[in-house]
């Protein structure tokens, strides 16, 4: 499967107010592995950039006056996402800008230029309801180093989001565990479970319910049952 993790920076927050894309970047994943291939473009928005936006990404109009217009690089963007599932954090925001830029360039809407668009913010909210799910919060939750992110930048943010997405959706191909002798060399001990000296604490009913809710969310996003449900034994809850 080919995926492109994509991010943009803009002149302001509302495409309805005529704001434009000024930076776009994407990183390629194939079969859940980063290939090292990426797209990174700065474009001249042909309009002023809001001061509040500059505080977020640090990009000024003076830095972009010699850059191409989006229409001049639109085909390059389309070629990069062609046939891929595109992953975007808060996809409606970016897709709204991309659709407008594609329309200006005489192209089909962005969603029709790729195989599908997945909103990683919606995915994160389904996995972590009621919690902060910004890119920074997810980096902290999944142990992704975002120390370089002093300002927003499309390429860095796409790279961080790729790591976060892989961590959020990481599964196992097998539940088989190769056991090594831990207590002496008694080979017969490997056939007993639990091994001597290991305390097993069952999940509570509330913990099992939360686990099932997470599996339900994964099933909705994957359009299929998680591997856990296909291979894991049932568990009896302990009293809270």
Protein backbone atom coordinates (compact mmCIF):
# COMPACT_ATOMS: atom_id res chain seq x y z
CA UNK A 1 0.00 0.00 0.00
CA UNK A 2 1.28 3.47 -0.90
CA UNK A 3 0.49 6.35 1.45
CA UNK A 4 1.52 10.01 1.50
CA UNK A 5 1.57 11.91 4.79
CA UNK A 6 0.87 15.52 3.85
CA UNK A 7 0.86 18.93 5.50
CA UNK A 8 0.47 22.55 4.40
CA UNK A 9 1.13 26.01 5.80
CA UNK A 10 -1.07 28.92 4.77
CA UNK A 11 -1.36 32.71 4.84
CA UNK A 12 -4.24 32.51 7.32
CA UNK A 13 -6.93 30.30 8.79
CA UNK A 14 -9.90 30.78 6.45
CA UNK A 15 -9.82 29.79 2.81
CA UNK A 16 -13.16 31.64 2.50
CA UNK A 17 -11.28 34.88 3.15
CA UNK A 18 -8.97 34.30 0.21
CA UNK A 19 -6.07 32.81 2.16
CA UNK A 20 -3.61 30.69 0.21
CA UNK A 21 -1.16 27.84 0.62
CA UNK A 22 2.47 28.93 1.03
CA UNK A 23 4.15 25.59 1.83
CA UNK A 24 3.24 21.99 1.07
CA UNK A 25 5.10 18.81 1.92
CA UNK A 26 4.49 15.09 1.77
CA UNK A 27 6.45 12.02 2.79
CA UNK A 28 5.93 8.62 1.17
CA UNK A 29 5.15 5.38 2.98
CA UNK A 30 5.00 2.04 1.21
CA UNK A 31 3.70 -0.92 3.20
CA UNK A 32 4.05 1.19 6.36
CA UNK A 33 7.71 1.97 5.77
CA UNK A 34 9.16 5.40 4.99
CA UNK A 35 10.86 5.27 1.60
CA UNK A 36 12.85 8.50 1.99
CA UNK A 37 11.02 10.01 -0.98
CA UNK A 38 9.31 13.30 -0.25
CA UNK A 39 7.77 16.42 -1.78
CA UNK A 40 8.54 19.86 -0.36
CA UNK A 41 7.54 23.12 -2.01
CA UNK A 42 7.26 26.78 -1.06
CA UNK A 43 4.87 28.84 -3.19
CA UNK A 44 4.18 32.52 -3.71
CA UNK A 45 0.65 33.22 -2.42
CA UNK A 46 0.40 36.57 -4.25
CA UNK A 47 -1.13 38.12 -1.14
CA UNK A 48 -0.14 39.25 2.36
CA UNK A 49 0.37 36.76 5.18
CA UNK A 50 -1.50 37.33 8.45
CA UNK A 51 0.78 38.29 11.36
CA UNK A 52 -0.77 35.53 13.45
CA UNK A 53 0.13 32.96 10.80
CA UNK A 54 3.73 34.23 10.68
CA UNK A 55 3.97 33.68 14.43
CA UNK A 56 3.02 30.03 13.86
CA UNK A 57 5.23 29.12 10.89
CA UNK A 58 7.72 32.00 10.61
CA UNK A 59 7.27 32.37 6.84
CA UNK A 60 7.06 35.93 5.47
CA UNK A 61 6.01 37.17 2.05
CA UNK A 62 9.55 38.44 1.44
CA UNK A 63 10.76 34.85 1.67
CA UNK A 64 8.35 33.77 -1.08
CA UNK A 65 8.47 36.51 -3.72
CA UNK A 66 10.80 34.46 -5.95
CA UNK A 67 8.95 31.18 -5.46
CA UNK A 68 6.56 29.71 -8.08
CA UNK A 69 2.81 30.13 -7.81
CA UNK A 70 0.79 27.08 -6.75
CA UNK A 71 -0.57 26.75 -10.29
CA UNK A 72 3.01 26.35 -11.52
CA UNK A 73 3.66 23.34 -9.23
CA UNK A 74 0.13 21.88 -9.08
CA UNK A 75 0.92 19.05 -11.49
CA UNK A 76 3.95 18.09 -9.39
CA UNK A 77 1.72 17.84 -6.33
CA UNK A 78 -0.87 15.78 -8.21
CA UNK A 79 1.76 13.37 -9.52
CA UNK A 80 3.13 12.83 -6.02
CA UNK A 81 -0.23 11.89 -4.48
CA UNK A 82 -1.57 10.00 -7.50
CA UNK A 83 -2.89 6.59 -6.44
CA UNK A 84 -1.95 7.07 -2.78
CA UNK A 85 -3.98 7.25 0.40
CA UNK A 86 -3.22 10.72 1.75
CA UNK A 87 -2.94 11.14 5.52
CA UNK A 88 -3.58 14.64 6.89
CA UNK A 89 -4.01 15.86 10.47
CA UNK A 90 -7.27 17.86 10.51
CA UNK A 91 -7.85 16.99 6.87
CA UNK A 92 -10.87 19.27 6.24
CA UNK A 93 -8.65 22.32 6.80
CA UNK A 94 -5.90 21.32 4.37
CA UNK A 95 -8.24 19.76 1.82
CA UNK A 96 -10.30 22.96 1.70
CA UNK A 97 -7.20 24.92 0.73
CA UNK A 98 -5.99 22.23 -1.68
CA UNK A 99 -9.35 22.05 -3.44
CA UNK A 100 -9.37 25.83 -3.90
CA UNK A 101 -5.81 25.86 -5.24
CA UNK A 102 -6.60 22.98 -7.62
CA UNK A 103 -9.67 24.82 -8.87
CA UNK A 104 -7.60 27.95 -9.52
CA UNK A 105 -5.13 25.80 -11.46
CA UNK A 106 -7.90 24.27 -13.57
CA UNK A 107 -7.58 20.82 -11.98
CA UNK A 108 -10.05 18.40 -10.45
CA UNK A 109 -10.69 18.64 -6.70
CA UNK A 110 -7.81 17.33 -4.64
CA UNK A 111 -9.77 14.33 -3.31
CA UNK A 112 -10.10 13.09 -6.90
CA UNK A 113 -6.35 13.34 -7.47
CA UNK A 114 -5.56 10.64 -4.87
CA UNK A 115 -7.01 7.29 -3.88
CA UNK A 116 -8.42 8.45 -0.53
CA UNK A 117 -7.91 10.97 2.28
CA UNK A 118 -7.59 9.84 5.91
CA UNK A 119 -7.99 12.40 8.69
CA UNK A 120 -5.49 11.38 11.38
CA UNK A 121 -7.05 13.84 13.84
CA UNK A 122 -10.39 12.02 13.58
CA UNK A 123 -8.55 8.72 14.01
CA UNK A 124 -6.74 10.01 17.11
CA UNK A 125 -10.00 11.28 18.62
CA UNK A 126 -11.60 7.87 18.15
CA UNK A 127 -8.65 6.18 19.84
CA UNK A 128 -8.25 8.77 22.61
CA UNK A 129 -11.67 10.36 23.25
CA UNK A 130 -11.66 13.34 25.56
CA UNK A 131 -7.89 13.79 25.36
CA UNK A 132 -5.72 16.36 23.57
CA UNK A 133 -4.96 15.11 20.07
CA UNK A 134 -2.85 17.88 18.57
CA UNK A 135 0.30 16.77 16.79
CA UNK A 136 2.41 17.85 19.77
CA UNK A 137 0.17 15.96 22.21
CA UNK A 138 0.34 12.83 20.08
CA UNK A 139 4.11 13.08 19.82
CA UNK A 140 4.28 13.17 23.60
CA UNK A 141 1.81 10.29 23.97
CA UNK A 142 3.65 8.03 21.53
CA UNK A 143 7.20 9.02 22.41
CA UNK A 144 7.96 10.77 19.10
CA UNK A 145 10.75 13.37 19.43
CA UNK A 146 9.34 16.75 18.40
CA UNK A 147 12.05 18.89 20.02
CA UNK A 148 12.88 20.45 16.63
CA UNK A 149 9.33 21.79 16.28
CA UNK A 150 9.86 25.32 17.56
CA UNK A 151 7.77 26.56 14.61
CA UNK A 152 5.30 24.74 12.39
CA UNK A 153 6.80 23.58 9.11
CA UNK A 154 5.11 21.42 6.49
CA UNK A 155 7.95 18.95 5.95
CA UNK A 156 8.84 18.50 9.62
CA UNK A 157 5.17 18.18 10.57
CA UNK A 158 4.60 15.57 7.84
CA UNK A 159 7.60 13.58 9.09
CA UNK A 160 6.37 13.74 12.69
CA UNK A 161 2.82 12.81 11.67
CA UNK A 162 4.15 9.79 9.76
CA UNK A 163 5.83 8.54 12.95
CA UNK A 164 2.73 9.24 15.03
CA UNK A 165 0.43 7.49 12.53
CA UNK A 166 2.60 4.37 12.46
CA UNK A 167 2.65 4.32 16.27
CA UNK A 168 -1.14 4.84 16.50
CA UNK A 169 -1.88 2.03 14.07
CA UNK A 170 0.92 -0.38 14.95
CA UNK A 171 -0.28 -3.97 15.32
CA UNK A 172 1.18 -7.42 15.56
CA UNK A 173 1.43 -10.02 12.83
CA UNK A 174 1.39 -12.80 15.39
CA UNK A 175 0.68 -13.34 19.06
CA UNK A 176 3.20 -16.15 19.32
CA UNK A 177 5.90 -15.46 21.92
CA UNK A 178 9.19 -17.30 21.88
CA UNK A 179 9.79 -18.20 25.50
CA UNK A 180 13.30 -18.61 26.83
CA UNK A 181 14.02 -20.38 30.13
CA UNK A 182 13.94 -17.70 32.82
CA UNK A 183 14.31 -19.75 35.94
CA UNK A 184 16.99 -22.41 35.59
CA UNK A 185 17.28 -24.87 32.72
CA UNK A 186 14.17 -26.94 33.30
CA UNK A 187 12.92 -27.47 29.74
CA UNK A 188 9.62 -28.79 31.06
CA UNK A 189 8.91 -25.38 32.58
CA UNK A 190 8.43 -23.96 29.08
CA UNK A 191 5.26 -26.00 28.70
CA UNK A 192 3.64 -24.49 31.80
CA UNK A 193 1.79 -21.16 31.79
CA UNK A 194 2.13 -19.05 33.79
CA UNK A 195 5.74 -19.91 34.59
CA UNK A 196 6.64 -20.39 38.23
CA UNK A 197 7.21 -17.08 40.00
CA UNK A 198 5.12 -15.00 37.56
CA UNK A 199 2.06 -13.25 39.03
CA UNK A 200 -0.82 -12.83 36.56
CA UNK A 201 -3.27 -10.00 37.30
CA UNK A 202 -6.49 -10.12 35.28
CA UNK A 203 -8.03 -6.96 33.82
CA UNK A 204 -11.04 -5.43 35.54
CA UNK A 205 -14.44 -5.24 33.85
CA UNK A 206 -13.97 -1.50 33.22
CA UNK A 207 -10.51 -2.07 31.74
CA UNK A 208 -11.89 -4.77 29.43
CA UNK A 209 -14.71 -2.45 28.37
CA UNK A 210 -12.21 0.31 27.52
CA UNK A 211 -10.11 -2.24 25.61
CA UNK A 212 -13.16 -3.34 23.58
CA UNK A 213 -14.03 0.30 22.81
CA UNK A 214 -10.53 0.83 21.45
CA UNK A 215 -10.80 -2.32 19.30
CA UNK A 216 -14.18 -1.08 18.01
CA UNK A 217 -12.55 2.21 16.96
CA UNK A 218 -9.73 0.37 15.19
CA UNK A 219 -12.25 -1.87 13.43
CA UNK A 220 -14.18 1.14 12.13
CA UNK A 221 -11.05 2.77 10.73
CA UNK A 222 -9.68 -0.48 9.25
CA UNK A 223 -13.04 -1.70 7.93
CA UNK A 224 -12.29 -5.10 9.45
CA UNK A 225 -11.74 -6.91 12.71
CA UNK A 226 -8.42 -6.21 14.48
CA UNK A 227 -5.93 -9.06 14.59
CA UNK A 228 -6.33 -9.18 18.39
CA UNK A 229 -9.94 -10.34 18.09
CA UNK A 230 -8.98 -13.02 15.58
CA UNK A 231 -6.24 -14.51 17.73
CA UNK A 232 -6.59 -13.56 21.39
CA UNK A 233 -8.30 -15.80 23.97
CA UNK A 234 -11.24 -14.44 25.93
CA UNK A 235 -10.55 -13.03 29.36
CA UNK A 236 -12.56 -13.17 32.56
CA UNK A 237 -12.60 -9.83 34.46
CA UNK A 238 -11.56 -9.48 38.06
CA UNK A 239 -13.61 -7.51 40.55
CA UNK A 240 -12.83 -3.76 40.63
